[in-house]
Protein backbone atom coordinates (compact mmCIF):
# COMPACT_ATOMS: atom_id res chain seq x y z
CA MET A 1 16.89 -51.40 4.82
CA GLY A 2 16.67 -47.82 6.13
CA TRP A 3 13.79 -46.22 8.01
CA ARG A 4 12.47 -44.58 4.82
CA GLU A 5 11.98 -48.00 3.28
CA ASP A 6 10.48 -49.30 6.53
CA VAL A 7 7.70 -46.68 6.59
CA LEU A 8 7.09 -46.75 2.85
CA LEU A 9 4.78 -49.77 3.22
CA TYR A 10 2.42 -47.76 5.43
CA GLN A 11 2.17 -44.63 3.26
CA LYS A 12 -0.82 -45.93 1.36
CA PRO A 13 -4.22 -44.36 2.04
CA GLU A 14 -7.15 -46.75 1.74
CA LEU A 15 -10.28 -45.07 0.39
CA ARG A 16 -12.64 -47.44 2.21
CA ARG A 17 -11.01 -46.85 5.59
CA SER A 18 -10.80 -43.09 5.10
CA LEU A 19 -14.48 -42.83 4.14
CA TRP A 20 -15.44 -45.04 7.08
CA GLN A 21 -13.51 -42.78 9.45
CA LEU A 22 -15.33 -39.75 8.11
CA ALA A 23 -18.66 -41.49 8.64
CA ASN A 24 -17.96 -42.90 12.11
CA THR A 25 -16.62 -39.55 13.30
CA ILE A 26 -18.62 -36.72 11.75
CA ILE A 27 -22.07 -38.35 11.95
CA PRO A 28 -21.77 -39.17 15.70
CA PHE A 29 -20.40 -35.68 16.35
CA LEU A 30 -23.39 -34.02 14.69
CA ALA A 31 -25.77 -36.39 16.47
CA LEU A 32 -24.17 -35.61 19.84
CA TRP A 33 -24.35 -31.88 19.11
CA LEU A 34 -28.09 -32.18 18.47
CA LEU A 35 -28.56 -34.40 21.51
CA SER A 36 -26.74 -31.88 23.68
CA TYR A 37 -29.10 -29.14 22.50
CA LEU A 38 -32.20 -31.26 23.12
CA SER A 39 -30.88 -32.20 26.57
CA LEU A 40 -30.88 -28.57 27.65
CA SER A 41 -34.63 -28.88 28.25
CA VAL A 42 -33.88 -31.68 30.72
CA SER A 43 -30.69 -30.52 32.44
CA VAL A 44 -27.80 -28.22 31.66
CA TRP A 45 -25.49 -30.70 33.39
CA LEU A 46 -26.67 -33.52 31.14
CA SER A 47 -25.99 -31.32 28.14
CA LEU A 48 -22.49 -30.55 29.41
CA LEU A 49 -21.82 -34.26 29.94
CA ILE A 50 -22.75 -34.90 26.31
CA ASP A 51 -20.53 -31.99 25.30
CA VAL A 52 -17.55 -33.76 26.85
CA VAL A 53 -18.10 -36.77 24.60
CA ALA A 54 -18.79 -34.56 21.57
CA SER A 55 -15.52 -32.71 22.17
CA GLY A 56 -13.70 -36.04 21.88
CA PHE A 57 -15.25 -36.57 18.46
CA LEU A 58 -14.23 -33.05 17.46
CA VAL A 59 -10.65 -33.91 18.39
CA ARG A 60 -10.94 -36.95 16.14
CA ILE A 61 -12.30 -34.76 13.32
CA PHE A 62 -9.24 -32.58 13.78
CA ILE A 63 -6.98 -35.62 13.30
CA LEU A 64 -8.71 -36.32 9.98
CA PHE A 65 -8.19 -32.65 9.06
CA HIS A 66 -4.56 -33.04 10.12
CA ASP A 67 -4.11 -36.06 7.83
CA CYS A 68 -5.61 -34.11 4.95
CA CYS A 69 -3.10 -31.32 5.57
CA HIS A 70 -0.32 -33.88 5.10
CA HIS A 71 -2.08 -35.29 1.99
CA SER A 72 -2.07 -38.68 3.69
CA PHE A 73 -5.81 -39.29 4.04
CA PHE A 74 -6.56 -39.81 0.33
CA ARG A 75 -4.40 -40.58 -2.65
CA SER A 76 -5.91 -37.61 -4.49
CA ARG A 77 -4.44 -34.22 -3.60
CA LYS A 78 -7.71 -32.54 -4.51
CA ALA A 79 -9.71 -34.88 -2.26
CA ASN A 80 -7.40 -34.08 0.64
CA GLU A 81 -7.87 -30.37 0.06
CA ILE A 82 -11.66 -30.54 -0.23
CA VAL A 83 -12.13 -32.71 2.85
CA GLY A 84 -9.44 -30.73 4.68
CA ILE A 85 -11.24 -27.45 4.06
CA MET A 86 -14.56 -28.95 5.17
CA THR A 87 -13.19 -30.52 8.35
CA GLY A 88 -11.26 -27.30 8.95
CA CYS A 89 -14.58 -25.44 9.07
CA LEU A 90 -15.93 -27.97 11.57
CA THR A 91 -12.89 -27.59 13.83
CA GLY A 92 -12.40 -23.85 13.27
CA PHE A 93 -9.06 -23.98 11.42
CA SER A 94 -8.14 -22.54 8.04
CA TYR A 95 -6.73 -25.36 5.94
CA TYR A 96 -3.91 -23.61 4.07
CA LYS A 97 -2.70 -21.52 6.99
CA TRP A 98 -2.59 -24.43 9.42
CA ARG A 99 -0.95 -26.71 6.86
CA TYR A 100 1.81 -24.18 6.22
CA GLU A 101 2.62 -23.65 9.89
CA HIS A 102 2.41 -27.35 10.72
CA ASN A 103 4.76 -28.31 7.88
CA ILE A 104 7.32 -25.88 9.30
CA HIS A 105 6.98 -27.64 12.63
CA HIS A 106 7.67 -30.99 10.98
CA ALA A 107 10.65 -29.70 9.02
CA GLY A 108 12.39 -28.35 12.11
CA ASN A 109 11.06 -30.22 15.14
CA GLY A 110 13.79 -30.10 17.78
CA ASN A 111 15.96 -27.67 15.80
CA LEU A 112 16.96 -24.82 18.11
CA ASP A 113 17.49 -22.54 15.12
CA GLN A 114 14.00 -23.10 13.70
CA ARG A 115 11.71 -22.51 16.65
CA GLY A 116 8.72 -20.22 16.71
CA THR A 117 6.27 -21.46 14.08
CA GLY A 118 3.77 -24.23 14.72
CA ASP A 119 5.32 -25.30 18.01
CA ILE A 120 5.27 -24.70 21.76
CA THR A 121 7.72 -21.88 22.42
CA THR A 122 10.60 -23.31 24.46
CA LEU A 123 13.55 -21.21 25.58
CA THR A 124 16.95 -22.50 26.60
CA VAL A 125 18.18 -21.76 30.12
CA ASP A 126 20.66 -19.21 28.79
CA GLU A 127 18.04 -17.49 26.65
CA TYR A 128 15.64 -17.23 29.57
CA LEU A 129 18.25 -15.82 31.98
CA ALA A 130 19.33 -13.24 29.38
CA LEU A 131 15.80 -11.80 29.15
CA PRO A 132 14.81 -8.60 30.94
CA LEU A 133 12.55 -9.11 33.94
CA PHE A 134 9.24 -8.29 32.24
CA ARG A 135 9.93 -10.76 29.42
CA ARG A 136 10.84 -13.47 31.92
CA ILE A 137 7.49 -12.87 33.61
CA ALA A 138 5.73 -13.04 30.24
CA TYR A 139 7.41 -16.37 29.44
CA ARG A 140 6.54 -17.74 32.85
CA MET A 141 2.92 -16.77 32.29
CA TYR A 142 2.92 -18.38 28.83
CA ARG A 143 4.29 -21.64 30.23
CA ASN A 144 1.93 -21.65 33.22
CA PRO A 145 -0.59 -24.52 32.79
CA LEU A 146 -3.47 -22.26 33.83
CA ILE A 147 -2.61 -19.87 31.00
CA MET A 148 -1.60 -22.41 28.37
CA PHE A 149 -4.53 -24.76 28.90
CA GLY A 150 -6.98 -22.28 30.42
CA LEU A 151 -6.72 -19.17 28.25
CA GLY A 152 -4.81 -20.91 25.44
CA PRO A 153 -7.90 -22.55 23.89
CA LEU A 154 -9.69 -19.18 23.73
CA TYR A 155 -6.72 -17.50 22.07
CA LEU A 156 -6.28 -20.39 19.65
CA VAL A 157 -9.92 -20.48 18.54
CA PHE A 158 -10.88 -16.81 18.56
CA VAL A 159 -7.62 -15.02 17.73
CA GLN A 160 -4.79 -17.05 16.25
CA SER A 161 -6.95 -19.16 13.94
CA ARG A 162 -8.96 -16.18 12.71
CA LEU A 163 -6.00 -14.09 11.50
CA ASN A 164 -3.75 -14.53 8.50
CA ARG A 165 -0.07 -14.92 9.13
CA LYS A 166 2.37 -12.33 7.86
CA GLY A 167 3.45 -13.14 4.32
CA ALA A 168 0.47 -15.39 3.53
CA GLY A 169 -0.27 -15.85 -0.17
CA ARG A 170 -3.55 -15.02 -1.87
CA ARG A 171 -4.98 -18.55 -1.71
CA GLU A 172 -4.14 -18.86 1.97
CA ARG A 173 -5.64 -15.47 2.81
CA ARG A 174 -8.82 -16.21 0.88
CA ASN A 175 -9.18 -19.57 2.62
CA THR A 176 -8.88 -17.90 6.03
CA TYR A 177 -11.47 -15.27 5.10
CA ALA A 178 -13.80 -17.92 3.68
CA THR A 179 -13.46 -20.11 6.78
CA ASN A 180 -14.21 -17.14 9.03
CA LEU A 181 -17.22 -16.20 6.90
CA ILE A 182 -18.61 -19.75 6.97
CA LEU A 183 -18.21 -19.92 10.74
CA LEU A 184 -19.90 -16.53 11.10
CA VAL A 185 -22.84 -17.53 8.89
CA VAL A 186 -23.33 -20.92 10.58
CA SER A 187 -23.12 -19.29 14.01
CA GLY A 188 -25.65 -16.67 12.89
CA VAL A 189 -28.10 -19.30 11.66
CA LEU A 190 -27.77 -21.33 14.86
CA TYR A 191 -28.21 -18.16 16.91
CA TRP A 192 -31.36 -17.28 14.95
CA PHE A 193 -32.99 -20.69 15.39
CA LEU A 194 -31.64 -21.79 18.79
CA GLY A 195 -30.87 -18.58 20.65
CA TRP A 196 -27.54 -17.37 21.96
CA GLU A 197 -27.87 -19.15 25.31
CA SER A 198 -28.33 -22.57 23.73
CA LEU A 199 -25.58 -21.95 21.19
CA LEU A 200 -23.19 -20.89 23.93
CA LEU A 201 -24.03 -23.80 26.22
CA VAL A 202 -23.63 -26.41 23.48
CA GLU A 203 -20.92 -25.17 21.13
CA GLY A 204 -18.90 -23.30 23.76
CA PRO A 205 -17.86 -26.29 25.91
CA ILE A 206 -17.26 -28.48 22.84
CA LEU A 207 -14.90 -25.96 21.25
CA TYR A 208 -13.15 -25.16 24.50
CA LEU A 209 -12.60 -28.74 25.65
CA SER A 210 -11.48 -29.98 22.22
CA ALA A 211 -9.02 -27.07 21.86
CA MET A 212 -7.68 -27.77 25.35
CA ALA A 213 -7.21 -31.46 24.47
CA GLY A 214 -5.51 -30.50 21.21
CA ILE A 215 -3.03 -28.21 22.94
CA TRP A 216 -2.36 -30.91 25.53
CA LEU A 217 -1.67 -33.58 22.91
CA PHE A 218 0.69 -31.32 21.01
CA TYR A 219 2.40 -30.29 24.23
CA VAL A 220 2.91 -33.67 25.84
CA GLN A 221 4.22 -35.33 22.68
CA HIS A 222 7.24 -33.01 22.53
CA GLN A 223 7.62 -31.61 26.05
CA TYR A 224 9.14 -34.30 28.25
CA GLU A 225 12.40 -34.46 30.16
CA ASP A 226 14.57 -36.40 27.70
CA THR A 227 13.25 -34.85 24.51
CA TYR A 228 15.49 -33.69 21.68
CA PHE A 229 16.86 -30.27 20.79
CA GLU A 230 19.97 -29.50 18.78
CA GLU A 231 21.38 -26.62 16.78
CA SER A 232 21.21 -26.92 12.99
CA ASP A 233 24.77 -28.21 12.63
CA SER A 234 24.03 -31.24 14.83
CA TRP A 235 20.32 -31.69 14.17
CA ASN A 236 19.18 -34.98 12.65
CA TYR A 237 15.70 -35.63 11.24
CA GLU A 238 15.46 -39.29 12.27
CA THR A 239 16.71 -38.64 15.80
CA ALA A 240 14.35 -35.68 16.16
CA ALA A 241 11.44 -37.93 15.21
CA LEU A 242 12.35 -40.94 17.37
CA GLN A 243 13.73 -39.10 20.38
CA GLY A 244 11.97 -35.72 20.16
CA SER A 245 8.47 -37.14 19.58
CA SER A 246 6.96 -39.49 22.13
CA PHE A 247 4.86 -42.61 21.92
CA TYR A 248 1.92 -41.44 24.03
CA LYS A 249 0.45 -44.75 25.18
CA LEU A 250 -3.24 -44.11 25.82
CA PRO A 251 -6.16 -46.37 26.76
CA LYS A 252 -7.80 -47.80 23.65
CA ILE A 253 -10.85 -45.51 23.73
CA LEU A 254 -8.64 -42.41 23.98
CA GLN A 255 -6.34 -43.78 21.27
CA TRP A 256 -9.38 -44.09 19.00
CA MET A 257 -10.65 -40.62 19.86
CA THR A 258 -7.25 -39.11 19.13
CA GLY A 259 -6.77 -40.97 15.86
CA SER A 260 -3.70 -42.86 17.13
CA ILE A 261 -1.72 -39.61 17.09
CA GLY A 262 -0.02 -40.94 20.23
CA PHE A 263 2.26 -42.84 17.84
CA HIS A 264 3.78 -39.44 17.24
CA HIS A 265 7.28 -40.70 16.54
CA ILE A 266 5.97 -42.61 13.53
CA HIS A 267 4.04 -39.58 12.37
CA HIS A 268 7.17 -37.43 12.53
CA LEU A 269 9.23 -40.04 10.71
CA SER A 270 6.69 -40.00 7.91
CA PRO A 271 3.74 -37.57 7.87
CA LYS A 272 2.46 -39.44 4.81
CA VAL A 273 1.37 -42.39 6.95
CA PRO A 274 -2.44 -42.21 7.50
CA ASN A 275 -3.55 -42.28 11.12
CA TYR A 276 -4.98 -45.79 10.75
CA HIS A 277 -1.56 -47.23 9.80
CA LEU A 278 0.47 -45.62 12.61
CA GLN A 279 0.00 -48.43 15.12
CA ALA A 280 0.96 -51.13 12.63
CA ALA A 281 4.11 -49.24 11.65
CA HIS A 282 5.11 -49.04 15.30
CA GLU A 283 4.32 -52.64 16.23
CA GLN A 284 5.82 -54.27 13.15
CA ASN A 285 9.18 -52.45 13.28
CA PRO A 286 11.25 -53.00 16.45
CA ALA A 287 13.57 -50.13 15.48
CA PHE A 288 10.70 -47.67 15.94
CA GLN A 289 9.88 -48.95 19.43
CA SER A 290 12.88 -47.17 20.96
CA ALA A 291 10.97 -43.88 21.07
CA PRO A 292 10.23 -42.51 24.58
CA THR A 293 7.02 -44.06 25.87
CA ILE A 294 4.77 -41.91 28.04
CA GLY A 295 1.68 -43.26 29.76
CA LEU A 296 -1.40 -41.24 30.60
CA PHE A 297 -0.53 -40.60 34.26
CA LYS A 298 3.19 -40.15 33.65
CA SER A 299 2.41 -37.52 31.02
CA PHE A 300 1.30 -35.02 33.67
CA ARG A 301 4.93 -34.76 34.80
CA SER A 302 5.61 -32.80 31.62
CA LEU A 303 3.91 -29.78 33.18
CA GLN A 304 7.00 -29.15 35.33
CA TYR A 305 9.37 -28.79 32.37
CA ARG A 306 9.78 -25.23 31.06
CA LEU A 307 13.36 -24.70 29.78
CA TRP A 308 15.88 -26.60 27.68
CA ASP A 309 19.18 -27.19 29.48
CA ALA A 310 21.65 -27.46 26.59
CA LYS A 311 24.43 -28.71 28.88
CA ARG A 312 22.45 -31.59 30.36
CA LYS A 313 20.41 -32.21 27.20
CA LYS A 314 17.08 -32.25 28.98
CA LEU A 315 14.08 -30.11 29.79
CA VAL A 316 14.07 -28.65 33.28
CA GLY A 317 11.88 -26.47 35.46
CA PHE A 318 12.59 -22.81 36.21
CA ALA A 319 14.24 -23.55 39.55
CA ALA A 320 16.47 -26.30 38.14
CA GLY A 321 17.41 -24.08 35.23
CA THR A 322 18.48 -21.26 37.53
CA ASP A 323 20.48 -23.64 39.75
CA SER A 324 22.15 -25.13 36.70
CA GLN A 325 23.31 -21.71 35.58
CA LYS A 326 24.71 -20.88 39.03
CA ASN A 327 26.75 -24.08 39.12
CA ARG A 328 28.53 -23.44 35.84
C-alpha cells in the first residue's frame, strides 16, 4: 500500500468536529477581545496579557481558514469557501488570493525551480555570491530575524495581504477588495465606539503577535539544516513532504492553539487531511514518522540557516556558505 492509500483514510472531514472547532475557537477569541478592551480601565498591562492569549486563538482561527483554503474542513466546497472568506476577514487575509499562493507553495515545496510564491525566499550559496553587493545586503536584511519577525508582520498585514497579485482573476480581485472594505468598515465602527487608542491597544498587539507566530510556524517547518531542495529533474513530491517539512513537536497547549499544524509533513503529503486528523495519521503510520522532528527549543537553531548549500545538501549560515565556496 502506497502513501496515497495510507492518508486516504484521514481525508474525511467530520461536520461535528469542524463546527465544534469553529465554536471553541471563534467564541473564546471574541470574548477575549472584549475582555481585553474592558481590562484597559484596570491596567494596560493586563489588557496586553489578555492580548497574548487572544493572539493564540487568532492563530488557531487562521488554521481553520487554512483548512478551508484546502477544502479539507468541510465536505462541501461551498461551505469551505463561505467559512474561509469569513475567517479570512477575522485574520486579515483574502481567501482566494491566499489560497492561490499557498497552493503554489504546496505544488513546489523544495523545488529550486519553483521558488518565490507562498514561501520563504531562500537563495543557494552560488546565487547569493553572484549577487551585486546591494542585493546581498537586501537579502541579508530580509533573512535577519529582527526584520523577518519584527517588521515582517507589519508588511504581511498592512501591505502584502491588502494588494492583489499580478495576474489575479476577477473573483480573486473582488474578494481582496471586499475583504479590505469589510476590515475598513469594522475598524471604523470600532474606532467610532471605542476610540483609536483602545482599538490600537487591543487589536494592534493581537494582529502583530499572531502574524509573528504565523511567520515563525511557516519558517521553522521548512527552514532547518537537513531540509530538502532539489531541481525539477530530481525533485520528488513524497520526499519533499517527508524530508522538506518537519514534525514540529510542541507542548500540547501550543499544539492545540496551532491546530496541529506541527504535523507539517502529513499536511504536505495530503493537504486534504483536516487539522484534527493530522496527529492520528502520523501516529498510526510508522512510515510517516521518519520526518525530521524538531522540538520547541531546538527550533530556534533554524534562525542561523540562511542559504542552501547544493553541494552538501543542507542549509547553512552566511559564513559557512562563503567558506564552502572558497573551498571548492
